[in-house]
Amino acid sequence: MKLDIEEDRYPGYDIVLKQRGRGRWKWAVCRTGGETVMSGSECSRAGARYKAGQALFMLLCASASRAISAGDGGAADPG
């Protein structure tokens, strides 16, 4: 099994929440290496966590859609 190739095909993501000032929360979706992919800010921690989760979900859906359109549906080759 070539694990290093699988890790390159399916990158990991982290959600980061940081409080910025009074009543302001910054959120970011980052690659495992630390590169920010999406970010934003909200007035509450719960709102920031929700938006970050929503952004991560949309990112994963877009990645899956690209993989399917490229002919890589994730199914094993029958031959």
C-alpha atoms as a PDB file:
ATOM      1  CA  MET A   1       0.000   0.000   0.000  1.00  0.00           C
ATOM      2  CA  LYS A   2       1.339   3.423  -0.928  1.00  0.00           C
ATOM      3  CA  LEU A   3       0.186   5.516   2.019  1.00  0.00           C
ATOM      4  CA  ASP A   4       2.161   8.648   1.098  1.00  0.00           C
ATOM      5  CA  ILE A   5       0.360   8.869  -2.260  1.00  0.00           C
ATOM      6  CA  GLU A   6      -3.028   8.505  -0.548  1.00  0.00           C
ATOM      7  CA  GLU A   7      -2.186  11.358   1.825  1.00  0.00           C
ATOM      8  CA  ASP A   8      -1.361  13.597  -1.138  1.00  0.00           C
ATOM      9  CA  ARG A   9      -4.648  12.753  -2.866  1.00  0.00           C
ATOM     10  CA  TYR A  10      -6.744  13.426   0.232  1.00  0.00           C
ATOM     11  CA  PRO A  11      -5.318  16.348   2.196  1.00  0.00           C
ATOM     12  CA  GLY A  12      -6.348  16.921   5.802  1.00  0.00           C
ATOM     13  CA  TYR A  13      -7.977  20.089   7.057  1.00  0.00           C
ATOM     14  CA  ASP A  14      -8.252  21.776  10.457  1.00  0.00           C
ATOM     15  CA  ILE A  15     -10.701  24.367  11.786  1.00  0.00           C
ATOM     16  CA  VAL A  16      -9.159  27.188  13.813  1.00  0.00           C
ATOM     17  CA  LEU A  17     -11.164  29.605  15.992  1.00  0.00           C
ATOM     18  CA  LYS A  18      -9.571  32.681  17.596  1.00  0.00           C
ATOM     19  CA  GLN A  19     -11.131  35.437  19.638  1.00  0.00           C
ATOM     20  CA  ARG A  20     -10.234  38.871  18.273  1.00  0.00           C
ATOM     21  CA  GLY A  21     -11.218  41.675  20.577  1.00  0.00           C
ATOM     22  CA  ARG A  22     -14.439  41.827  22.497  1.00  0.00           C
ATOM     23  CA  GLY A  23     -17.232  39.837  20.922  1.00  0.00           C
ATOM     24  CA  ARG A  24     -15.439  39.074  17.645  1.00  0.00           C
ATOM     25  CA  TRP A  25     -14.317  35.623  16.523  1.00  0.00           C
ATOM     26  CA  LYS A  26     -12.121  34.796  13.537  1.00  0.00           C
ATOM     27  CA  TRP A  27     -12.391  31.379  11.944  1.00  0.00           C
ATOM     28  CA  ALA A  28     -10.208  29.645   9.389  1.00  0.00           C
ATOM     29  CA  VAL A  29     -10.110  26.341   7.550  1.00  0.00           C
ATOM     30  CA  CYS A  30      -6.457  25.382   7.120  1.00  0.00           C
ATOM     31  CA  ARG A  31      -4.617  22.537   5.475  1.00  0.00           C
ATOM     32  CA  THR A  32      -2.782  20.270   7.878  1.00  0.00           C
ATOM     33  CA  GLY A  33       0.456  22.112   6.999  1.00  0.00           C
ATOM     34  CA  GLY A  34      -1.010  25.443   8.167  1.00  0.00           C
ATOM     35  CA  GLU A  35      -1.960  27.044   4.834  1.00  0.00           C
ATOM     36  CA  THR A  36      -5.281  28.938   5.180  1.00  0.00           C
ATOM     37  CA  VAL A  37      -7.838  27.874   2.591  1.00  0.00           C
ATOM     38  CA  MET A  38     -10.909  29.828   3.791  1.00  0.00           C
ATOM     39  CA  SER A  39     -11.438  32.360   6.573  1.00  0.00           C
ATOM     40  CA  GLY A  40     -13.933  34.814   7.990  1.00  0.00           C
ATOM     41  CA  SER A  41     -15.244  36.397  11.186  1.00  0.00           C
ATOM     42  CA  GLU A  42     -18.429  36.323  13.233  1.00  0.00           C
ATOM     43  CA  CYS A  43     -19.847  38.031  16.303  1.00  0.00           C
ATOM     44  CA  SER A  44     -20.178  34.857  18.377  1.00  0.00           C
ATOM     45  CA  ARG A  45     -18.089  31.735  18.920  1.00  0.00           C
ATOM     46  CA  ALA A  46     -21.029  29.525  18.004  1.00  0.00           C
ATOM     47  CA  GLY A  47     -21.528  31.470  14.768  1.00  0.00           C
ATOM     48  CA  ALA A  48     -17.843  31.224  13.899  1.00  0.00           C
ATOM     49  CA  ARG A  49     -17.823  27.486  14.591  1.00  0.00           C
ATOM     50  CA  TYR A  50     -20.935  27.042  12.417  1.00  0.00           C
ATOM     51  CA  LYS A  51     -19.502  29.050   9.508  1.00  0.00           C
ATOM     52  CA  ALA A  52     -16.163  27.206   9.710  1.00  0.00           C
ATOM     53  CA  GLY A  53     -17.954  23.852   9.659  1.00  0.00           C
ATOM     54  CA  GLN A  54     -20.080  24.994   6.738  1.00  0.00           C
ATOM     55  CA  ALA A  55     -16.979  26.142   4.828  1.00  0.00           C
ATOM     56  CA  LEU A  56     -15.236  22.825   5.495  1.00  0.00           C
ATOM     57  CA  PHE A  57     -18.281  20.894   4.291  1.00  0.00           C
ATOM     58  CA  MET A  58     -18.452  22.965   1.080  1.00  0.00           C
ATOM     59  CA  LEU A  59     -14.715  22.461   0.531  1.00  0.00           C
ATOM     60  CA  LEU A  60     -15.021  18.691   0.911  1.00  0.00           C
ATOM     61  CA  CYS A  61     -18.070  18.583  -1.387  1.00  0.00           C
ATOM     62  CA  ALA A  62     -16.194  20.536  -4.052  1.00  0.00           C
ATOM     63  CA  SER A  63     -13.208  18.196  -3.730  1.00  0.00           C
ATOM     64  CA  ALA A  64     -15.438  15.142  -4.124  1.00  0.00           C
ATOM     65  CA  SER A  65     -17.196  16.701  -7.106  1.00  0.00           C
ATOM     66  CA  ARG A  66     -13.866  17.400  -8.811  1.00  0.00           C
ATOM     67  CA  ALA A  67     -12.684  13.838  -8.178  1.00  0.00           C
ATOM     68  CA  ILE A  68     -15.857  12.388  -9.715  1.00  0.00           C
ATOM     69  CA  SER A  69     -15.737  14.700 -12.746  1.00  0.00           C
ATOM     70  CA  ALA A  70     -12.078  13.773 -13.299  1.00  0.00           C
ATOM     71  CA  GLY A  71     -13.056  10.113 -13.485  1.00  0.00           C
ATOM     72  CA  ASP A  72     -11.660   9.256 -10.059  1.00  0.00           C
ATOM     73  CA  GLY A  73     -14.780   8.195  -8.214  1.00  0.00           C
ATOM     74  CA  GLY A  74     -12.747   6.390  -5.576  1.00  0.00           C
ATOM     75  CA  ALA A  75     -13.835   2.934  -6.694  1.00  0.00           C
ATOM     76  CA  ALA A  76     -11.204   0.260  -7.122  1.00  0.00           C
ATOM     77  CA  ASP A  77     -10.267  -0.780 -10.645  1.00  0.00           C
ATOM     78  CA  PRO A  78     -12.058  -4.012 -11.578  1.00  0.00           C
ATOM     79  CA  GLY A  79      -9.165  -5.199 -13.716  1.00  0.00           C
END
